[in-house]
C-alpha atoms as a PDB file:
ATOM      1  CA  MET A   1      45.125  29.957 119.542  1.00  0.00           C
ATOM      2  CA  ALA A   2      42.351  30.002 122.085  1.00  0.00           C
ATOM      3  CA  ILE A   3      39.379  32.102 123.156  1.00  0.00           C
ATOM      4  CA  VAL A   4      38.960  33.474 126.679  1.00  0.00           C
ATOM      5  CA  VAL A   5      35.284  33.788 127.573  1.00  0.00           C
ATOM      6  CA  HIS A   6      34.817  36.346 130.348  1.00  0.00           C
ATOM      7  CA  HIS A   7      32.157  38.495 131.982  1.00  0.00           C
ATOM      8  CA  GLY A   8      32.371  42.309 131.852  1.00  0.00           C
ATOM      9  CA  ARG A   9      32.993  43.985 135.219  1.00  0.00           C
ATOM     10  CA  THR A  10      30.662  46.911 134.639  1.00  0.00           C
ATOM     11  CA  SER A  11      28.621  46.026 131.550  1.00  0.00           C
ATOM     12  CA  GLY A  12      27.652  42.540 132.680  1.00  0.00           C
ATOM     13  CA  ARG A  13      28.055  41.383 129.070  1.00  0.00           C
ATOM     14  CA  TRP A  14      29.892  38.238 128.016  1.00  0.00           C
ATOM     15  CA  TYR A  15      33.006  38.698 125.878  1.00  0.00           C
ATOM     16  CA  ARG A  16      35.214  36.412 123.806  1.00  0.00           C
ATOM     17  CA  THR A  17      38.861  37.433 123.479  1.00  0.00           C
ATOM     18  CA  PRO A  18      41.329  35.621 121.201  1.00  0.00           C
ATOM     19  CA  VAL A  19      44.655  34.773 122.877  1.00  0.00           C
ATOM     20  CA  ILE A  20      47.611  32.458 122.528  1.00  0.00           C
ATOM     21  CA  ALA A  21      47.436  30.091 125.495  1.00  0.00           C
ATOM     22  CA  PHE A  22      50.044  27.535 126.503  1.00  0.00           C
ATOM     23  CA  ARG A  23      49.221  24.382 128.457  1.00  0.00           C
ATOM     24  CA  LEU A  24      50.926  23.744 131.784  1.00  0.00           C
ATOM     25  CA  ASN A  25      50.642  20.677 134.015  1.00  0.00           C
ATOM     26  CA  ASP A  26      47.944  22.320 136.112  1.00  0.00           C
ATOM     27  CA  GLY A  27      46.409  24.958 133.867  1.00  0.00           C
ATOM     28  CA  TYR A  28      47.351  27.535 131.242  1.00  0.00           C
ATOM     29  CA  ILE A  29      49.534  30.567 130.811  1.00  0.00           C
ATOM     30  CA  ILE A  30      48.981  33.508 128.468  1.00  0.00           C
ATOM     31  CA  SER A  31      51.585  36.148 127.647  1.00  0.00           C
ATOM     32  CA  LEU A  32      50.398  39.729 128.004  1.00  0.00           C
ATOM     33  CA  PRO A  33      52.160  41.678 125.248  1.00  0.00           C
ATOM     34  CA  TYR A  34      49.782  44.622 125.684  1.00  0.00           C
ATOM     35  CA  GLY A  35      50.058  44.635 129.478  1.00  0.00           C
ATOM     36  CA  ALA A  36      47.897  43.566 132.373  1.00  0.00           C
ATOM     37  CA  ASP A  37      45.694  46.666 132.219  1.00  0.00           C
ATOM     38  CA  ARG A  38      43.632  45.458 129.243  1.00  0.00           C
ATOM     39  CA  ASP A  39      39.913  45.198 129.985  1.00  0.00           C
ATOM     40  CA  TRP A  40      39.757  41.464 129.335  1.00  0.00           C
ATOM     41  CA  VAL A  41      42.561  40.793 131.859  1.00  0.00           C
ATOM     42  CA  ARG A  42      40.910  43.032 134.444  1.00  0.00           C
ATOM     43  CA  ASN A  43      37.576  41.250 133.837  1.00  0.00           C
ATOM     44  CA  VAL A  44      39.127  37.818 134.393  1.00  0.00           C
ATOM     45  CA  LEU A  45      40.953  38.966 137.540  1.00  0.00           C
ATOM     46  CA  ALA A  46      37.817  40.625 138.959  1.00  0.00           C
ATOM     47  CA  ALA A  47      35.657  37.549 138.293  1.00  0.00           C
ATOM     48  CA  GLY A  48      38.287  35.144 139.603  1.00  0.00           C
ATOM     49  CA  SER A  49      37.585  32.766 136.726  1.00  0.00           C
ATOM     50  CA  CYS A  50      37.038  32.378 132.990  1.00  0.00           C
ATOM     51  CA  THR A  51      36.461  29.728 130.361  1.00  0.00           C
ATOM     52  CA  LEU A  52      39.126  28.881 127.811  1.00  0.00           C
ATOM     53  CA  GLU A  53      38.011  27.432 124.494  1.00  0.00           C
ATOM     54  CA  GLN A  54      40.797  25.607 122.694  1.00  0.00           C
ATOM     55  CA  GLY A  55      40.778  22.727 120.251  1.00  0.00           C
ATOM     56  CA  GLY A  56      37.033  22.228 120.564  1.00  0.00           C
ATOM     57  CA  LYS A  57      37.212  21.969 124.367  1.00  0.00           C
ATOM     58  CA  ARG A  58      35.928  24.305 127.066  1.00  0.00           C
ATOM     59  CA  ILE A  59      38.114  24.469 130.165  1.00  0.00           C
ATOM     60  CA  GLU A  60      37.018  26.256 133.331  1.00  0.00           C
ATOM     61  CA  LEU A  61      39.912  28.156 134.894  1.00  0.00           C
ATOM     62  CA  THR A  62      39.997  29.757 138.331  1.00  0.00           C
ATOM     63  CA  ASN A  63      42.268  31.814 140.580  1.00  0.00           C
ATOM     64  CA  PRO A  64      43.899  33.877 137.830  1.00  0.00           C
ATOM     65  CA  SER A  65      47.005  35.860 138.661  1.00  0.00           C
ATOM     66  CA  VAL A  66      49.372  38.150 136.815  1.00  0.00           C
ATOM     67  CA  LEU A  67      52.990  37.100 137.172  1.00  0.00           C
ATOM     68  CA  VAL A  68      55.875  39.446 136.407  1.00  0.00           C
ATOM     69  CA  GLY A  69      59.541  38.878 135.658  1.00  0.00           C
ATOM     70  CA  SER A  70      61.884  36.289 134.294  1.00  0.00           C
ATOM     71  CA  LYS A  71      60.418  33.432 136.374  1.00  0.00           C
ATOM     72  CA  ALA A  72      56.985  34.160 134.906  1.00  0.00           C
ATOM     73  CA  VAL A  73      58.255  34.266 131.322  1.00  0.00           C
ATOM     74  CA  ALA A  74      60.290  31.091 131.968  1.00  0.00           C
ATOM     75  CA  MET A  75      57.003  29.167 132.121  1.00  0.00           C
ATOM     76  CA  LEU A  76      56.472  29.791 128.378  1.00  0.00           C
ATOM     77  CA  PRO A  77      57.987  27.711 125.533  1.00  0.00           C
ATOM     78  CA  ALA A  78      61.568  28.670 124.585  1.00  0.00           C
ATOM     79  CA  PRO A  79      60.827  30.352 121.218  1.00  0.00           C
ATOM     80  CA  VAL A  80      58.127  32.478 122.851  1.00  0.00           C
ATOM     81  CA  ARG A  81      60.455  33.447 125.728  1.00  0.00           C
ATOM     82  CA  THR A  82      63.064  34.656 123.266  1.00  0.00           C
ATOM     83  CA  ALA A  83      60.582  36.821 121.386  1.00  0.00           C
ATOM     84  CA  LEU A  84      59.134  38.279 124.581  1.00  0.00           C
ATOM     85  CA  ARG A  85      62.583  39.151 125.930  1.00  0.00           C
ATOM     86  CA  LEU A  86      63.399  41.021 122.718  1.00  0.00           C
ATOM     87  CA  LEU A  87      60.146  42.972 123.118  1.00  0.00           C
ATOM     88  CA  HIS A  88      60.724  43.536 126.872  1.00  0.00           C
ATOM     89  CA  ILE A  89      57.477  41.765 127.780  1.00  0.00           C
ATOM     90  CA  THR A  90      57.598  40.355 131.306  1.00  0.00           C
ATOM     91  CA  ARG A  91      53.951  39.806 132.290  1.00  0.00           C
ATOM     92  CA  VAL A  92      51.879  36.654 131.931  1.00  0.00           C
ATOM     93  CA  LEU A  93      48.436  35.582 133.091  1.00  0.00           C
ATOM     94  CA  ARG A  94      48.492  32.311 135.025  1.00  0.00           C
ATOM     95  CA  LEU A  95      45.207  30.356 134.945  1.00  0.00           C
ATOM     96  CA  PRO A  96      45.080  27.199 137.077  1.00  0.00           C
ATOM     97  CA  ALA A  97      42.502  24.586 136.057  1.00  0.00           C
ATOM     98  CA  SER A  98      39.593  24.175 138.463  1.00  0.00           C
END
């Protein structure tokens, strides 16, 4: 579990969204079971950055991108990939570390 801290596009408020984030060599990846059109995803994409709080650490992440398809899902751990395939979820949010 992790928290994505992001800035609202129109409200200007700060938000904290709970997610399940997986560590990669150069950043993090988050599956998007509810799609890429959620406000928090759109906020992160519009800002071009966010902060991830996980395990007592704050990590600044930049250049977010939504990836779609089997290559995107392949970046996730095997048990997660299996579950996402069964649910027909093919979108992930890629967050490189700054």
